[in-house]
PDB file of N, CA and C in Angstrom:
ATOM      1  N   MET A   1      80.996  82.681 128.404  1.00  0.00           N
ATOM      2  CA  MET A   1      80.216  82.488 126.560  1.00  0.00           C
ATOM      3  C   MET A   1      81.022  80.834 126.634  1.00  0.00           C
ATOM      4  N   GLU A   2      80.129  79.969 126.128  1.00  0.00           N
ATOM      5  CA  GLU A   2      80.243  78.696 125.700  1.00  0.00           C
ATOM      6  C   GLU A   2      80.387  78.285 124.521  1.00  0.00           C
ATOM      7  N   GLN A   3      81.986  77.293 124.547  1.00  0.00           N
ATOM      8  CA  GLN A   3      82.638  77.025 123.292  1.00  0.00           C
ATOM      9  C   GLN A   3      81.604  76.677 122.387  1.00  0.00           C
ATOM     10  N   TRP A   4      81.574  76.713 120.495  1.00  0.00           N
ATOM     11  CA  TRP A   4      80.965  75.679 119.956  1.00  0.00           C
ATOM     12  C   TRP A   4      82.013  75.464 118.967  1.00  0.00           C
ATOM     13  N   ARG A   5      81.597  73.878 118.677  1.00  0.00           N
ATOM     14  CA  ARG A   5      82.192  73.549 117.118  1.00  0.00           C
ATOM     15  C   ARG A   5      81.566  72.925 116.482  1.00  0.00           C
ATOM     16  N   PHE A   6      82.706  72.414 115.646  1.00  0.00           N
ATOM     17  CA  PHE A   6      81.270  71.403 114.291  1.00  0.00           C
ATOM     18  C   PHE A   6      82.134  69.848 114.499  1.00  0.00           C
ATOM     19  N   VAL A   7      80.593  68.904 114.868  1.00  0.00           N
ATOM     20  CA  VAL A   7      81.007  67.370 115.294  1.00  0.00           C
ATOM     21  C   VAL A   7      80.010  67.088 114.382  1.00  0.00           C
ATOM     22  N   TYR A   8      80.432  65.910 113.319  1.00  0.00           N
ATOM     23  CA  TYR A   8      80.047  65.113 112.712  1.00  0.00           C
ATOM     24  C   TYR A   8      79.946  64.031 113.061  1.00  0.00           C
ATOM     25  N   ASP A   9      78.472  63.494 113.049  1.00  0.00           N
ATOM     26  CA  ASP A   9      78.290  62.008 114.056  1.00  0.00           C
ATOM     27  C   ASP A   9      78.420  60.832 112.575  1.00  0.00           C
ATOM     28  N   GLU A  10      78.510  61.237 111.231  1.00  0.00           N
ATOM     29  CA  GLU A  10      78.483  60.109 110.846  1.00  0.00           C
ATOM     30  C   GLU A  10      79.158  60.681 109.135  1.00  0.00           C
ATOM     31  N   TYR A  11      79.345  59.393 108.076  1.00  0.00           N
ATOM     32  CA  TYR A  11      80.293  60.092 107.459  1.00  0.00           C
ATOM     33  C   TYR A  11      79.558  60.084 105.896  1.00  0.00           C
ATOM     34  N   ASP A  12      79.689  61.564 104.747  1.00  0.00           N
ATOM     35  CA  ASP A  12      78.936  61.775 104.236  1.00  0.00           C
ATOM     36  C   ASP A  12      79.589  61.760 102.922  1.00  0.00           C
ATOM     37  N   THR A  13      79.938  61.352 101.969  1.00  0.00           N
ATOM     38  CA  THR A  13      80.199  61.525 101.038  1.00  0.00           C
ATOM     39  C   THR A  13      80.000  62.432 100.315  1.00  0.00           C
ATOM     40  N   GLY A  14      78.525  63.094 100.201  1.00  0.00           N
ATOM     41  CA  GLY A  14      78.323  64.189  99.171  1.00  0.00           C
ATOM     42  C   GLY A  14      78.222  65.729 100.013  1.00  0.00           C
ATOM     43  N   GLN A  15      79.276  65.134 101.588  1.00  0.00           N
ATOM     44  CA  GLN A  15      79.047  66.230 102.442  1.00  0.00           C
ATOM     45  C   GLN A  15      80.448  66.613 102.028  1.00  0.00           C
ATOM     46  N   GLU A  16      81.534  65.612 101.873  1.00  0.00           N
ATOM     47  CA  GLU A  16      83.143  65.575 102.322  1.00  0.00           C
ATOM     48  C   GLU A  16      83.756  67.215 101.989  1.00  0.00           C
ATOM     49  N   GLY A  17      83.495  67.325 100.389  1.00  0.00           N
ATOM     50  CA  GLY A  17      84.166  68.536 100.054  1.00  0.00           C
ATOM     51  C   GLY A  17      83.694  70.040 100.825  1.00  0.00           C
ATOM     52  N   ARG A  18      82.753  69.968 101.529  1.00  0.00           N
ATOM     53  CA  ARG A  18      82.233  71.031 102.507  1.00  0.00           C
ATOM     54  C   ARG A  18      82.621  71.438 104.005  1.00  0.00           C
ATOM     55  N   ARG A  19      83.231  69.962 104.771  1.00  0.00           N
ATOM     56  CA  ARG A  19      83.339  69.382 105.502  1.00  0.00           C
ATOM     57  C   ARG A  19      84.897  69.505 105.506  1.00  0.00           C
ATOM     58  N   GLU A  20      85.946  68.813 104.628  1.00  0.00           N
ATOM     59  CA  GLU A  20      87.046  69.340 104.361  1.00  0.00           C
ATOM     60  C   GLU A  20      87.448  70.945 104.019  1.00  0.00           C
ATOM     61  N   ALA A  21      86.591  71.942 103.815  1.00  0.00           N
ATOM     62  CA  ALA A  21      87.185  73.715 103.905  1.00  0.00           C
ATOM     63  C   ALA A  21      86.982  73.965 105.526  1.00  0.00           C
ATOM     64  N   LEU A  22      85.921  73.383 105.659  1.00  0.00           N
ATOM     65  CA  LEU A  22      85.149  73.742 107.209  1.00  0.00           C
ATOM     66  C   LEU A  22      86.480  73.444 108.327  1.00  0.00           C
ATOM     67  N   CYS A  23      86.821  72.485 107.468  1.00  0.00           N
ATOM     68  CA  CYS A  23      87.663  71.948 109.313  1.00  0.00           C
ATOM     69  C   CYS A  23      89.285  72.196 109.189  1.00  0.00           C
ATOM     70  N   ALA A  24      89.705  72.923 107.628  1.00  0.00           N
ATOM     71  CA  ALA A  24      90.925  72.562 107.368  1.00  0.00           C
ATOM     72  C   ALA A  24      91.020  73.641 108.330  1.00  0.00           C
ATOM     73  N   LEU A  25      92.777  73.538 108.398  1.00  0.00           N
ATOM     74  CA  LEU A  25      93.873  74.323 109.481  1.00  0.00           C
ATOM     75  C   LEU A  25      94.778  75.526 108.698  1.00  0.00           C
ATOM     76  N   GLY A  26      94.615  76.046 109.524  1.00  0.00           N
ATOM     77  CA  GLY A  26      96.023  77.403 108.673  1.00  0.00           C
ATOM     78  C   GLY A  26      96.825  78.323 110.666  1.00  0.00           C
ATOM     79  N   ASN A  27      97.662  78.826 109.495  1.00  0.00           N
ATOM     80  CA  ASN A  27      98.315  79.729 110.881  1.00  0.00           C
ATOM     81  C   ASN A  27      98.664  80.983 110.135  1.00  0.00           C
ATOM     82  N   GLY A  28      97.913  81.262 108.364  1.00  0.00           N
ATOM     83  CA  GLY A  28      98.500  82.707 108.152  1.00  0.00           C
ATOM     84  C   GLY A  28      99.328  81.938 107.504  1.00  0.00           C
ATOM     85  N   LEU A  29     100.232  81.493 107.291  1.00  0.00           N
ATOM     86  CA  LEU A  29     101.381  81.060 106.290  1.00  0.00           C
ATOM     87  C   LEU A  29     101.071  79.871 105.478  1.00  0.00           C
ATOM     88  N   PHE A  30     100.616  78.615 106.378  1.00  0.00           N
ATOM     89  CA  PHE A  30     100.311  77.266 105.252  1.00  0.00           C
ATOM     90  C   PHE A  30      98.757  77.330 106.129  1.00  0.00           C
ATOM     91  N   ALA A  31      98.101  76.323 104.822  1.00  0.00           N
ATOM     92  CA  ALA A  31      96.634  76.280 105.803  1.00  0.00           C
ATOM     93  C   ALA A  31      96.587  74.988 104.792  1.00  0.00           C
ATOM     94  N   THR A  32      96.136  73.390 105.841  1.00  0.00           N
ATOM     95  CA  THR A  32      95.743  72.120 105.208  1.00  0.00           C
ATOM     96  C   THR A  32      94.638  72.527 105.325  1.00  0.00           C
ATOM     97  N   ARG A  33      93.542  71.527 104.160  1.00  0.00           N
ATOM     98  CA  ARG A  33      92.480  70.424 104.227  1.00  0.00           C
ATOM     99  C   ARG A  33      91.776  69.791 105.467  1.00  0.00           C
ATOM    100  N   GLY A  34      90.949  70.153 105.499  1.00  0.00           N
ATOM    101  CA  GLY A  34      90.417  68.602 106.734  1.00  0.00           C
ATOM    102  C   GLY A  34      89.995  67.319 106.547  1.00  0.00           C
ATOM    103  N   ALA A  35      90.075  67.706 105.365  1.00  0.00           N
ATOM    104  CA  ALA A  35      90.628  65.780 104.512  1.00  0.00           C
ATOM    105  C   ALA A  35      91.008  64.883 105.571  1.00  0.00           C
ATOM    106  N   THR A  36      90.351  63.424 105.141  1.00  0.00           N
ATOM    107  CA  THR A  36      90.300  62.194 106.469  1.00  0.00           C
ATOM    108  C   THR A  36      91.706  61.873 105.455  1.00  0.00           C
ATOM    109  N   PRO A  37      92.180  61.225 106.652  1.00  0.00           N
ATOM    110  CA  PRO A  37      93.703  60.742 106.703  1.00  0.00           C
ATOM    111  C   PRO A  37      93.826  59.753 106.427  1.00  0.00           C
ATOM    112  N   ASP A  38      93.323  59.113 105.465  1.00  0.00           N
ATOM    113  CA  ASP A  38      93.573  58.341 104.257  1.00  0.00           C
ATOM    114  C   ASP A  38      93.506  58.292 102.552  1.00  0.00           C
ATOM    115  N   SER A  39      92.711  59.648 102.605  1.00  0.00           N
ATOM    116  CA  SER A  39      92.188  59.920 101.056  1.00  0.00           C
ATOM    117  C   SER A  39      93.527  60.146 100.326  1.00  0.00           C
ATOM    118  N   SER A  40      92.868  60.985  98.773  1.00  0.00           N
ATOM    119  CA  SER A  40      93.477  61.189  98.020  1.00  0.00           C
ATOM    120  C   SER A  40      92.755  61.685  97.269  1.00  0.00           C
ATOM    121  N   ALA A  41      93.467  62.929  96.578  1.00  0.00           N
ATOM    122  CA  ALA A  41      92.430  63.388  95.438  1.00  0.00           C
ATOM    123  C   ALA A  41      92.066  62.313  94.068  1.00  0.00           C
ATOM    124  N   ASP A  42      90.469  62.621  94.197  1.00  0.00           N
ATOM    125  CA  ASP A  42      89.054  61.953  93.429  1.00  0.00           C
ATOM    126  C   ASP A  42      88.078  62.562  93.288  1.00  0.00           C
ATOM    127  N   HIS A  43      86.825  61.700  93.415  1.00  0.00           N
ATOM    128  CA  HIS A  43      85.646  62.824  92.459  1.00  0.00           C
ATOM    129  C   HIS A  43      84.955  62.911  94.245  1.00  0.00           C
ATOM    130  N   ILE A  44      85.061  62.668  95.057  1.00  0.00           N
ATOM    131  CA  ILE A  44      85.297  62.649  97.179  1.00  0.00           C
ATOM    132  C   ILE A  44      85.683  63.875  97.842  1.00  0.00           C
ATOM    133  N   HIS A  45      87.222  63.561  97.409  1.00  0.00           N
ATOM    134  CA  HIS A  45      87.956  64.154  98.243  1.00  0.00           C
ATOM    135  C   HIS A  45      88.609  65.363  97.724  1.00  0.00           C
ATOM    136  N   TYR A  46      89.089  65.904  98.146  1.00  0.00           N
ATOM    137  CA  TYR A  46      90.665  67.225  97.672  1.00  0.00           C
ATOM    138  C   TYR A  46      90.978  67.524  98.046  1.00  0.00           C
ATOM    139  N   PRO A  47      92.176  66.352  98.945  1.00  0.00           N
ATOM    140  CA  PRO A  47      93.466  67.130 100.356  1.00  0.00           C
ATOM    141  C   PRO A  47      94.427  67.946  99.668  1.00  0.00           C
ATOM    142  N   GLY A  48      94.245  68.853 100.590  1.00  0.00           N
ATOM    143  CA  GLY A  48      95.467  69.857 100.021  1.00  0.00           C
ATOM    144  C   GLY A  48      96.058  70.945 100.929  1.00  0.00           C
ATOM    145  N   THR A  49      96.891  71.438 100.886  1.00  0.00           N
ATOM    146  CA  THR A  49      98.352  71.939 101.170  1.00  0.00           C
ATOM    147  C   THR A  49      98.533  73.166 101.024  1.00  0.00           C
ATOM    148  N   TYR A  50      98.046  74.266 101.178  1.00  0.00           N
ATOM    149  CA  TYR A  50      98.264  75.324 100.181  1.00  0.00           C
ATOM    150  C   TYR A  50      99.419  76.677 101.261  1.00  0.00           C
ATOM    151  N   LEU A  51     100.097  77.571 100.307  1.00  0.00           N
ATOM    152  CA  LEU A  51     101.174  78.095 100.980  1.00  0.00           C
ATOM    153  C   LEU A  51     100.840  79.414 100.373  1.00  0.00           C
ATOM    154  N   ALA A  52     100.971  80.296 101.818  1.00  0.00           N
ATOM    155  CA  ALA A  52     100.884  81.806 101.270  1.00  0.00           C
ATOM    156  C   ALA A  52     101.424  82.679 100.433  1.00  0.00           C
ATOM    157  N   GLY A  53     101.187  83.237  99.393  1.00  0.00           N
ATOM    158  CA  GLY A  53     101.961  83.933  98.608  1.00  0.00           C
ATOM    159  C   GLY A  53     102.679  82.916  97.174  1.00  0.00           C
ATOM    160  N   GLY A  54     101.966  81.571  97.212  1.00  0.00           N
ATOM    161  CA  GLY A  54     102.693  80.802  96.471  1.00  0.00           C
ATOM    162  C   GLY A  54     101.243  80.794  95.579  1.00  0.00           C
ATOM    163  N   TYR A  55     101.999  81.059  94.534  1.00  0.00           N
ATOM    164  CA  TYR A  55     100.272  81.200  93.103  1.00  0.00           C
ATOM    165  C   TYR A  55     101.823  80.883  91.654  1.00  0.00           C
ATOM    166  N   ASN A  56     100.755  79.916  90.414  1.00  0.00           N
ATOM    167  CA  ASN A  56     100.847  80.162  89.707  1.00  0.00           C
ATOM    168  C   ASN A  56     100.651  80.362  88.489  1.00  0.00           C
ATOM    169  N   ARG A  57     100.762  81.788  88.236  1.00  0.00           N
ATOM    170  CA  ARG A  57     101.148  82.837  87.365  1.00  0.00           C
ATOM    171  C   ARG A  57     100.780  82.072  86.049  1.00  0.00           C
ATOM    172  N   LEU A  58     100.090  82.362  85.052  1.00  0.00           N
ATOM    173  CA  LEU A  58     100.152  81.865  83.666  1.00  0.00           C
ATOM    174  C   LEU A  58      99.195  82.969  83.211  1.00  0.00           C
ATOM    175  N   THR A  59      99.657  83.099  81.652  1.00  0.00           N
ATOM    176  CA  THR A  59      98.955  83.977  80.670  1.00  0.00           C
ATOM    177  C   THR A  59      98.527  84.041  79.710  1.00  0.00           C
ATOM    178  N   THR A  60      97.555  83.506  79.308  1.00  0.00           N
ATOM    179  CA  THR A  60      96.734  82.938  78.281  1.00  0.00           C
ATOM    180  C   THR A  60      96.243  84.037  77.184  1.00  0.00           C
ATOM    181  N   THR A  61      96.043  83.883  76.095  1.00  0.00           N
ATOM    182  CA  THR A  61      95.614  84.950  75.379  1.00  0.00           C
ATOM    183  C   THR A  61      94.482  84.220  74.736  1.00  0.00           C
ATOM    184  N   ILE A  62      93.434  85.447  74.956  1.00  0.00           N
ATOM    185  CA  ILE A  62      91.824  85.255  74.516  1.00  0.00           C
ATOM    186  C   ILE A  62      90.997  86.664  73.832  1.00  0.00           C
ATOM    187  N   ASP A  63      90.914  86.261  72.362  1.00  0.00           N
ATOM    188  CA  ASP A  63      90.429  87.131  71.561  1.00  0.00           C
ATOM    189  C   ASP A  63      91.789  88.325  71.580  1.00  0.00           C
ATOM    190  N   GLY A  64      92.867  87.479  71.004  1.00  0.00           N
ATOM    191  CA  GLY A  64      93.938  88.533  70.686  1.00  0.00           C
ATOM    192  C   GLY A  64      94.201  89.319  72.127  1.00  0.00           C
ATOM    193  N   ARG A  65      94.026  89.061  73.161  1.00  0.00           N
ATOM    194  CA  ARG A  65      94.618  89.609  74.429  1.00  0.00           C
ATOM    195  C   ARG A  65      94.783  88.870  75.669  1.00  0.00           C
ATOM    196  N   PRO A  66      95.798  89.286  76.366  1.00  0.00           N
ATOM    197  CA  PRO A  66      96.927  88.480  76.803  1.00  0.00           C
ATOM    198  C   PRO A  66      96.244  88.830  78.311  1.00  0.00           C
ATOM    199  N   MET A  67      95.835  87.324  78.546  1.00  0.00           N
ATOM    200  CA  MET A  67      95.233  87.473  80.157  1.00  0.00           C
ATOM    201  C   MET A  67      95.672  86.983  81.286  1.00  0.00           C
ATOM    202  N   GLU A  68      96.117  87.135  82.475  1.00  0.00           N
ATOM    203  CA  GLU A  68      96.690  86.899  83.172  1.00  0.00           C
ATOM    204  C   GLU A  68      95.682  86.402  84.786  1.00  0.00           C
ATOM    205  N   ASN A  69      96.442  85.277  84.932  1.00  0.00           N
ATOM    206  CA  ASN A  69      95.509  84.209  86.015  1.00  0.00           C
ATOM    207  C   ASN A  69      96.760  83.762  87.085  1.00  0.00           C
ATOM    208  N   GLU A  70      95.611  84.181  88.109  1.00  0.00           N
ATOM    209  CA  GLU A  70      96.474  83.694  89.668  1.00  0.00           C
ATOM    210  C   GLU A  70      96.029  82.626  90.166  1.00  0.00           C
ATOM    211  N   ASP A  71      96.931  80.967  90.070  1.00  0.00           N
ATOM    212  CA  ASP A  71      96.256  80.161  91.355  1.00  0.00           C
ATOM    213  C   ASP A  71      96.946  79.812  92.573  1.00  0.00           C
ATOM    214  N   LEU A  72      95.794  79.402  93.201  1.00  0.00           N
ATOM    215  CA  LEU A  72      96.836  78.995  94.691  1.00  0.00           C
ATOM    216  C   LEU A  72      97.414  76.991  94.243  1.00  0.00           C
ATOM    217  N   VAL A  73      98.865  77.495  94.540  1.00  0.00           N
ATOM    218  CA  VAL A  73      99.106  76.353  94.219  1.00  0.00           C
ATOM    219  C   VAL A  73      99.197  75.053  95.457  1.00  0.00           C
ATOM    220  N   ASN A  74      98.753  73.700  94.598  1.00  0.00           N
ATOM    221  CA  ASN A  74      98.068  72.863  96.086  1.00  0.00           C
ATOM    222  C   ASN A  74      99.466  72.062  96.283  1.00  0.00           C
ATOM    223  N   LEU A  75      99.095  72.080  97.435  1.00  0.00           N
ATOM    224  CA  LEU A  75     101.276  71.976  98.204  1.00  0.00           C
ATOM    225  C   LEU A  75     100.829  70.181  97.724  1.00  0.00           C
ATOM    226  N   PRO A  76     102.253  68.907  97.458  1.00  0.00           N
ATOM    227  CA  PRO A  76     102.243  67.406  98.169  1.00  0.00           C
ATOM    228  C   PRO A  76     101.684  67.635  99.305  1.00  0.00           C
ATOM    229  N   ASN A  77     100.433  66.018  99.064  1.00  0.00           N
ATOM    230  CA  ASN A  77      99.267  65.639  99.905  1.00  0.00           C
ATOM    231  C   ASN A  77     100.779  64.802 101.289  1.00  0.00           C
ATOM    232  N   TRP A  78     101.052  65.464 102.013  1.00  0.00           N
ATOM    233  CA  TRP A  78     101.596  65.481 103.140  1.00  0.00           C
ATOM    234  C   TRP A  78     100.716  63.933 104.353  1.00  0.00           C
ATOM    235  N   LEU A  79      99.720  64.220 103.823  1.00  0.00           N
ATOM    236  CA  LEU A  79      98.773  63.750 105.125  1.00  0.00           C
ATOM    237  C   LEU A  79      98.825  62.129 104.935  1.00  0.00           C
ATOM    238  N   PRO A  80      98.386  61.543 103.742  1.00  0.00           N
ATOM    239  CA  PRO A  80      97.975  60.161 103.696  1.00  0.00           C
ATOM    240  C   PRO A  80      98.453  59.205 104.716  1.00  0.00           C
ATOM    241  N   LEU A  81      97.438  58.242 105.496  1.00  0.00           N
ATOM    242  CA  LEU A  81      98.162  58.128 106.949  1.00  0.00           C
ATOM    243  C   LEU A  81      97.307  56.417 106.512  1.00  0.00           C
ATOM    244  N   THR A  82      97.789  55.464 106.109  1.00  0.00           N
ATOM    245  CA  THR A  82      96.840  53.867 105.676  1.00  0.00           C
ATOM    246  C   THR A  82      97.118  52.597 106.053  1.00  0.00           C
ATOM    247  N   PHE A  83      96.530  51.893 106.302  1.00  0.00           N
ATOM    248  CA  PHE A  83      97.090  50.234 107.400  1.00  0.00           C
ATOM    249  C   PHE A  83      96.268  49.499 106.349  1.00  0.00           C
ATOM    250  N   ARG A  84      96.857  48.067 106.268  1.00  0.00           N
ATOM    251  CA  ARG A  84      96.185  47.201 105.916  1.00  0.00           C
ATOM    252  C   ARG A  84      96.728  46.096 107.081  1.00  0.00           C
ATOM    253  N   VAL A  85      95.587  45.168 107.125  1.00  0.00           N
ATOM    254  CA  VAL A  85      95.868  43.812 108.073  1.00  0.00           C
ATOM    255  C   VAL A  85      96.616  43.275 107.361  1.00  0.00           C
ATOM    256  N   ASN A  86      97.447  42.095 107.457  1.00  0.00           N
ATOM    257  CA  ASN A  86      98.403  41.292 106.768  1.00  0.00           C
ATOM    258  C   ASN A  86      98.206  41.268 105.574  1.00  0.00           C
ATOM    259  N   ASP A  87      97.889  40.584 104.412  1.00  0.00           N
ATOM    260  CA  ASP A  87      98.227  41.063 102.964  1.00  0.00           C
ATOM    261  C   ASP A  87      96.782  41.405 102.232  1.00  0.00           C
ATOM    262  N   GLU A  88      95.636  41.570 102.957  1.00  0.00           N
ATOM    263  CA  GLU A  88      94.387  42.403 102.857  1.00  0.00           C
ATOM    264  C   GLU A  88      94.334  43.617 102.098  1.00  0.00           C
ATOM    265  N   ALA A  89      93.398  44.261 101.103  1.00  0.00           N
ATOM    266  CA  ALA A  89      93.598  45.814 100.850  1.00  0.00           C
ATOM    267  C   ALA A  89      93.894  46.275 101.996  1.00  0.00           C
ATOM    268  N   TRP A  90      94.562  47.951 101.178  1.00  0.00           N
ATOM    269  CA  TRP A  90      94.504  48.698 102.433  1.00  0.00           C
ATOM    270  C   TRP A  90      93.650  49.655 102.691  1.00  0.00           C
ATOM    271  N   PHE A  91      93.748  49.538 103.873  1.00  0.00           N
ATOM    272  CA  PHE A  91      92.145  50.449 104.604  1.00  0.00           C
ATOM    273  C   PHE A  91      91.539  52.282 103.343  1.00  0.00           C
ATOM    274  N   HIS A  92      90.356  51.821 102.976  1.00  0.00           N
ATOM    275  CA  HIS A  92      90.218  53.459 102.321  1.00  0.00           C
ATOM    276  C   HIS A  92      88.731  53.604 103.050  1.00  0.00           C
ATOM    277  N   LEU A  93      88.594  54.335 103.741  1.00  0.00           N
ATOM    278  CA  LEU A  93      86.919  54.833 104.109  1.00  0.00           C
ATOM    279  C   LEU A  93      85.695  54.782 102.979  1.00  0.00           C
ATOM    280  N   ASP A  94      85.803  54.347 101.918  1.00  0.00           N
ATOM    281  CA  ASP A  94      85.286  54.660 101.029  1.00  0.00           C
ATOM    282  C   ASP A  94      84.503  53.385 100.613  1.00  0.00           C
ATOM    283  N   ASP A  95      85.870  52.596 101.138  1.00  0.00           N
ATOM    284  CA  ASP A  95      85.358  50.679 101.018  1.00  0.00           C
ATOM    285  C   ASP A  95      84.546  49.640 101.887  1.00  0.00           C
ATOM    286  N   VAL A  96      84.405  50.381 103.065  1.00  0.00           N
ATOM    287  CA  VAL A  96      84.449  50.113 103.974  1.00  0.00           C
ATOM    288  C   VAL A  96      83.137  50.168 104.701  1.00  0.00           C
ATOM    289  N   ASN A  97      82.328  49.440 105.789  1.00  0.00           N
ATOM    290  CA  ASN A  97      80.668  48.896 106.156  1.00  0.00           C
ATOM    291  C   ASN A  97      81.570  49.954 107.810  1.00  0.00           C
ATOM    292  N   ILE A  98      80.586  51.090 107.860  1.00  0.00           N
ATOM    293  CA  ILE A  98      81.490  52.105 108.753  1.00  0.00           C
ATOM    294  C   ILE A  98      80.447  51.553 109.386  1.00  0.00           C
ATOM    295  N   LEU A  99      80.678  51.294 111.357  1.00  0.00           N
ATOM    296  CA  LEU A  99      80.091  51.162 112.108  1.00  0.00           C
ATOM    297  C   LEU A  99      79.918  52.711 113.022  1.00  0.00           C
ATOM    298  N   SER A 100      80.872  53.239 113.482  1.00  0.00           N
ATOM    299  CA  SER A 100      80.638  53.763 114.040  1.00  0.00           C
ATOM    300  C   SER A 100      81.172  55.240 113.590  1.00  0.00           C
ATOM    301  N   TYR A 101      81.186  56.495 113.199  1.00  0.00           N
ATOM    302  CA  TYR A 101      82.337  57.664 112.556  1.00  0.00           C
ATOM    303  C   TYR A 101      81.432  59.192 113.990  1.00  0.00           C
ATOM    304  N   ARG A 102      83.255  59.922 113.738  1.00  0.00           N
ATOM    305  CA  ARG A 102      82.729  60.761 114.787  1.00  0.00           C
ATOM    306  C   ARG A 102      84.594  61.581 114.130  1.00  0.00           C
ATOM    307  N   GLN A 103      83.712  62.888 113.928  1.00  0.00           N
ATOM    308  CA  GLN A 103      84.978  64.011 113.384  1.00  0.00           C
ATOM    309  C   GLN A 103      84.697  65.600 114.429  1.00  0.00           C
ATOM    310  N   VAL A 104      85.359  65.610 115.194  1.00  0.00           N
ATOM    311  CA  VAL A 104      86.024  66.719 115.319  1.00  0.00           C
ATOM    312  C   VAL A 104      86.692  67.364 115.255  1.00  0.00           C
ATOM    313  N   PRO A 105      86.924  68.773 114.750  1.00  0.00           N
ATOM    314  CA  PRO A 105      88.317  69.253 114.220  1.00  0.00           C
ATOM    315  C   PRO A 105      89.178  70.306 115.536  1.00  0.00           C
TER     316      PRO A 105
END
């Protein structure tokens, strides 16, 4: 049987949300979205790490009735990796001219 895998040969900000979800990595206890290493939460990226069973429970009163919601808790982003050359701005993938790009989870 031949292996299959996702391979992305270009950086497309319109597809980053989907790619981050498809490239998530987990072990059953926690999972991390496949966001680019330099990303932080913004209008393009949503890096996150989630713990199994880690929920935020909140009760809201709607029309006089209490409604309980449980939402996954986004743990602190432990992945940020960035750099800069001399005193230039910190590298951010969305701010540079990309000559070549390849993402293989």
